[in-house]
């Protein structure tokens, strides 16, 4: 069972940048499809970005398209989320999630069996 750990969150001013990391506990991390979700206070968890096993397919939520970039590390044991031009509405706890499913419903949290504990991102205005 893969264990995921997020890091890189923090407090940043509007317009700033952060890079989140999602690190896995096993070497087969490259066999998992990975998605970043976020959950703001008193809101539902929402899809942010998805990356396929080999990194060849990537999808973003409309709200972050053009500002966020998801990528896999060369060692295939880390997935990154580079967040530029951050805005107060990006404030949330960010989670990475992993699945081995072949379902096309990549933005549905119910698809994912493995989750990290999350990292807080706070953007001040």
C-alpha atoms as a PDB file:
ATOM      1  CA  UNK A   1       0.000   0.000   0.000  1.00  0.00           C
ATOM      2  CA  UNK A   2       1.583   3.253  -1.119  1.00  0.00           C
ATOM      3  CA  UNK A   3       1.878   6.078   1.371  1.00  0.00           C
ATOM      4  CA  UNK A   4       1.863   9.639   0.130  1.00  0.00           C
ATOM      5  CA  UNK A   5       3.376  12.681   1.800  1.00  0.00           C
ATOM      6  CA  UNK A   6       2.767  16.236   0.629  1.00  0.00           C
ATOM      7  CA  UNK A   7       5.119  19.098   1.366  1.00  0.00           C
ATOM      8  CA  UNK A   8       5.862  22.623   0.215  1.00  0.00           C
ATOM      9  CA  UNK A   9       2.807  24.464   1.445  1.00  0.00           C
ATOM     10  CA  UNK A  10       2.965  27.734   3.291  1.00  0.00           C
ATOM     11  CA  UNK A  11       1.938  31.363   3.398  1.00  0.00           C
ATOM     12  CA  UNK A  12       2.518  33.488   0.319  1.00  0.00           C
ATOM     13  CA  UNK A  13       1.337  36.869  -0.926  1.00  0.00           C
ATOM     14  CA  UNK A  14      -0.986  37.158  -3.902  1.00  0.00           C
ATOM     15  CA  UNK A  15       0.988  36.863  -7.114  1.00  0.00           C
ATOM     16  CA  UNK A  16       3.583  34.630  -5.494  1.00  0.00           C
ATOM     17  CA  UNK A  17       4.554  31.040  -6.179  1.00  0.00           C
ATOM     18  CA  UNK A  18       4.875  27.749  -4.349  1.00  0.00           C
ATOM     19  CA  UNK A  19       5.939  24.275  -5.407  1.00  0.00           C
ATOM     20  CA  UNK A  20       4.223  21.352  -3.755  1.00  0.00           C
ATOM     21  CA  UNK A  21       5.717  17.884  -3.692  1.00  0.00           C
ATOM     22  CA  UNK A  22       4.007  14.531  -3.343  1.00  0.00           C
ATOM     23  CA  UNK A  23       6.429  11.798  -2.367  1.00  0.00           C
ATOM     24  CA  UNK A  24       5.638   8.102  -2.322  1.00  0.00           C
ATOM     25  CA  UNK A  25       6.840   5.366  -0.044  1.00  0.00           C
ATOM     26  CA  UNK A  26       7.478   2.808  -2.757  1.00  0.00           C
ATOM     27  CA  UNK A  27       9.444   2.531  -5.973  1.00  0.00           C
ATOM     28  CA  UNK A  28       6.378   1.574  -8.016  1.00  0.00           C
ATOM     29  CA  UNK A  29       5.004   5.108  -7.734  1.00  0.00           C
ATOM     30  CA  UNK A  30       5.389   5.419 -11.479  1.00  0.00           C
ATOM     31  CA  UNK A  31       2.586   2.877 -11.932  1.00  0.00           C
ATOM     32  CA  UNK A  32       0.039   5.165 -10.263  1.00  0.00           C
ATOM     33  CA  UNK A  33      -2.030   7.906 -11.776  1.00  0.00           C
ATOM     34  CA  UNK A  34      -1.683  10.981  -9.572  1.00  0.00           C
ATOM     35  CA  UNK A  35      -4.031  13.869  -8.974  1.00  0.00           C
ATOM     36  CA  UNK A  36      -3.869  16.963  -6.829  1.00  0.00           C
ATOM     37  CA  UNK A  37      -7.071  18.002  -5.098  1.00  0.00           C
ATOM     38  CA  UNK A  38      -7.722  20.896  -2.762  1.00  0.00           C
ATOM     39  CA  UNK A  39     -10.270  21.666  -0.105  1.00  0.00           C
ATOM     40  CA  UNK A  40     -10.978  25.133   1.177  1.00  0.00           C
ATOM     41  CA  UNK A  41     -12.649  25.768   4.502  1.00  0.00           C
ATOM     42  CA  UNK A  42     -16.304  24.715   4.448  1.00  0.00           C
ATOM     43  CA  UNK A  43     -16.109  23.727   0.795  1.00  0.00           C
ATOM     44  CA  UNK A  44     -16.041  20.397  -0.978  1.00  0.00           C
ATOM     45  CA  UNK A  45     -12.830  18.830  -2.172  1.00  0.00           C
ATOM     46  CA  UNK A  46     -12.141  19.860  -5.760  1.00  0.00           C
ATOM     47  CA  UNK A  47      -9.980  18.629  -8.582  1.00  0.00           C
ATOM     48  CA  UNK A  48      -6.854  20.656  -9.385  1.00  0.00           C
ATOM     49  CA  UNK A  49      -4.550  18.708 -11.703  1.00  0.00           C
ATOM     50  CA  UNK A  50      -3.971  15.182 -13.007  1.00  0.00           C
ATOM     51  CA  UNK A  51      -0.958  13.388 -14.463  1.00  0.00           C
ATOM     52  CA  UNK A  52      -0.882   9.954 -16.057  1.00  0.00           C
ATOM     53  CA  UNK A  53       1.562   7.178 -15.258  1.00  0.00           C
ATOM     54  CA  UNK A  54       4.157   8.227 -17.787  1.00  0.00           C
ATOM     55  CA  UNK A  55       3.349  11.930 -17.634  1.00  0.00           C
ATOM     56  CA  UNK A  56       2.047  11.950 -21.169  1.00  0.00           C
ATOM     57  CA  UNK A  57      -1.491  13.007 -20.251  1.00  0.00           C
ATOM     58  CA  UNK A  58      -2.125  16.024 -18.053  1.00  0.00           C
ATOM     59  CA  UNK A  59      -5.354  17.798 -17.165  1.00  0.00           C
ATOM     60  CA  UNK A  60      -6.046  20.938 -15.162  1.00  0.00           C
ATOM     61  CA  UNK A  61      -9.093  22.494 -13.613  1.00  0.00           C
ATOM     62  CA  UNK A  62     -10.138  25.627 -15.498  1.00  0.00           C
ATOM     63  CA  UNK A  63      -9.487  27.718 -12.401  1.00  0.00           C
ATOM     64  CA  UNK A  64      -5.762  26.894 -12.395  1.00  0.00           C
ATOM     65  CA  UNK A  65      -5.044  26.407 -16.101  1.00  0.00           C
ATOM     66  CA  UNK A  66      -2.120  28.541 -17.212  1.00  0.00           C
ATOM     67  CA  UNK A  67      -0.960  29.134 -13.628  1.00  0.00           C
ATOM     68  CA  UNK A  68      -0.282  25.645 -12.246  1.00  0.00           C
ATOM     69  CA  UNK A  69       1.984  22.951 -13.669  1.00  0.00           C
ATOM     70  CA  UNK A  70       1.972  19.298 -12.644  1.00  0.00           C
ATOM     71  CA  UNK A  71       4.971  17.109 -13.369  1.00  0.00           C
ATOM     72  CA  UNK A  72       6.743  13.920 -12.368  1.00  0.00           C
ATOM     73  CA  UNK A  73      10.266  13.873 -11.064  1.00  0.00           C
ATOM     74  CA  UNK A  74      12.944  12.054 -13.035  1.00  0.00           C
ATOM     75  CA  UNK A  75      13.190   9.352 -10.394  1.00  0.00           C
ATOM     76  CA  UNK A  76       9.433   8.768 -10.711  1.00  0.00           C
ATOM     77  CA  UNK A  77       9.019   8.859  -6.940  1.00  0.00           C
ATOM     78  CA  UNK A  78       7.727  12.418  -6.699  1.00  0.00           C
ATOM     79  CA  UNK A  79       4.978  14.440  -8.329  1.00  0.00           C
ATOM     80  CA  UNK A  80       5.197  18.216  -8.240  1.00  0.00           C
ATOM     81  CA  UNK A  81       2.643  20.972  -8.466  1.00  0.00           C
ATOM     82  CA  UNK A  82       4.182  24.312  -9.358  1.00  0.00           C
ATOM     83  CA  UNK A  83       1.752  27.091  -8.542  1.00  0.00           C
ATOM     84  CA  UNK A  84       2.340  30.548  -9.988  1.00  0.00           C
ATOM     85  CA  UNK A  85       0.307  33.754  -9.775  1.00  0.00           C
ATOM     86  CA  UNK A  86      -1.372  32.533  -6.626  1.00  0.00           C
ATOM     87  CA  UNK A  87      -4.576  34.245  -5.564  1.00  0.00           C
ATOM     88  CA  UNK A  88      -6.463  34.296  -2.253  1.00  0.00           C
ATOM     89  CA  UNK A  89      -9.042  31.933  -3.731  1.00  0.00           C
ATOM     90  CA  UNK A  90      -6.295  29.312  -4.059  1.00  0.00           C
ATOM     91  CA  UNK A  91      -6.133  29.090  -0.270  1.00  0.00           C
ATOM     92  CA  UNK A  92      -6.873  25.502   0.723  1.00  0.00           C
ATOM     93  CA  UNK A  93      -5.425  22.272   1.975  1.00  0.00           C
ATOM     94  CA  UNK A  94      -3.845  20.531  -0.992  1.00  0.00           C
ATOM     95  CA  UNK A  95      -3.888  16.737  -1.216  1.00  0.00           C
ATOM     96  CA  UNK A  96      -2.249  14.342  -3.611  1.00  0.00           C
ATOM     97  CA  UNK A  97      -4.035  11.116  -4.426  1.00  0.00           C
ATOM     98  CA  UNK A  98      -3.048   7.969  -6.272  1.00  0.00           C
ATOM     99  CA  UNK A  99      -4.932   5.302  -8.158  1.00  0.00           C
ATOM    100  CA  UNK A 100      -4.172   2.268 -10.295  1.00  0.00           C
ATOM    101  CA  UNK A 101      -7.641   2.371 -11.840  1.00  0.00           C
ATOM    102  CA  UNK A 102      -8.039   2.818 -15.591  1.00  0.00           C
ATOM    103  CA  UNK A 103     -11.248   4.807 -15.184  1.00  0.00           C
ATOM    104  CA  UNK A 104     -11.553   8.012 -17.184  1.00  0.00           C
ATOM    105  CA  UNK A 105     -13.123   9.768 -14.181  1.00  0.00           C
ATOM    106  CA  UNK A 106      -9.783  11.216 -13.143  1.00  0.00           C
ATOM    107  CA  UNK A 107     -11.367  14.249 -11.427  1.00  0.00           C
ATOM    108  CA  UNK A 108     -13.607  12.166  -9.127  1.00  0.00           C
ATOM    109  CA  UNK A 109     -12.115  11.830  -5.623  1.00  0.00           C
ATOM    110  CA  UNK A 110     -13.893   8.484  -5.222  1.00  0.00           C
ATOM    111  CA  UNK A 111     -11.584   6.963  -7.815  1.00  0.00           C
ATOM    112  CA  UNK A 112      -8.531   7.319  -5.567  1.00  0.00           C
ATOM    113  CA  UNK A 113      -7.561   4.737  -3.003  1.00  0.00           C
ATOM    114  CA  UNK A 114      -4.495   6.452  -1.577  1.00  0.00           C
ATOM    115  CA  UNK A 115      -4.286   9.932  -0.116  1.00  0.00           C
ATOM    116  CA  UNK A 116      -1.753  12.042   1.650  1.00  0.00           C
ATOM    117  CA  UNK A 117      -2.587  14.081   4.736  1.00  0.00           C
ATOM    118  CA  UNK A 118      -2.438  17.357   2.888  1.00  0.00           C
ATOM    119  CA  UNK A 119      -0.423  20.549   3.032  1.00  0.00           C
ATOM    120  CA  UNK A 120      -1.859  23.983   3.780  1.00  0.00           C
ATOM    121  CA  UNK A 121      -1.521  26.746   1.211  1.00  0.00           C
ATOM    122  CA  UNK A 122      -2.535  30.221   2.335  1.00  0.00           C
ATOM    123  CA  UNK A 123      -2.473  33.183  -0.044  1.00  0.00           C
ATOM    124  CA  UNK A 124      -2.795  36.628   1.475  1.00  0.00           C
ATOM    125  CA  UNK A 125      -4.182  39.597  -0.427  1.00  0.00           C
END
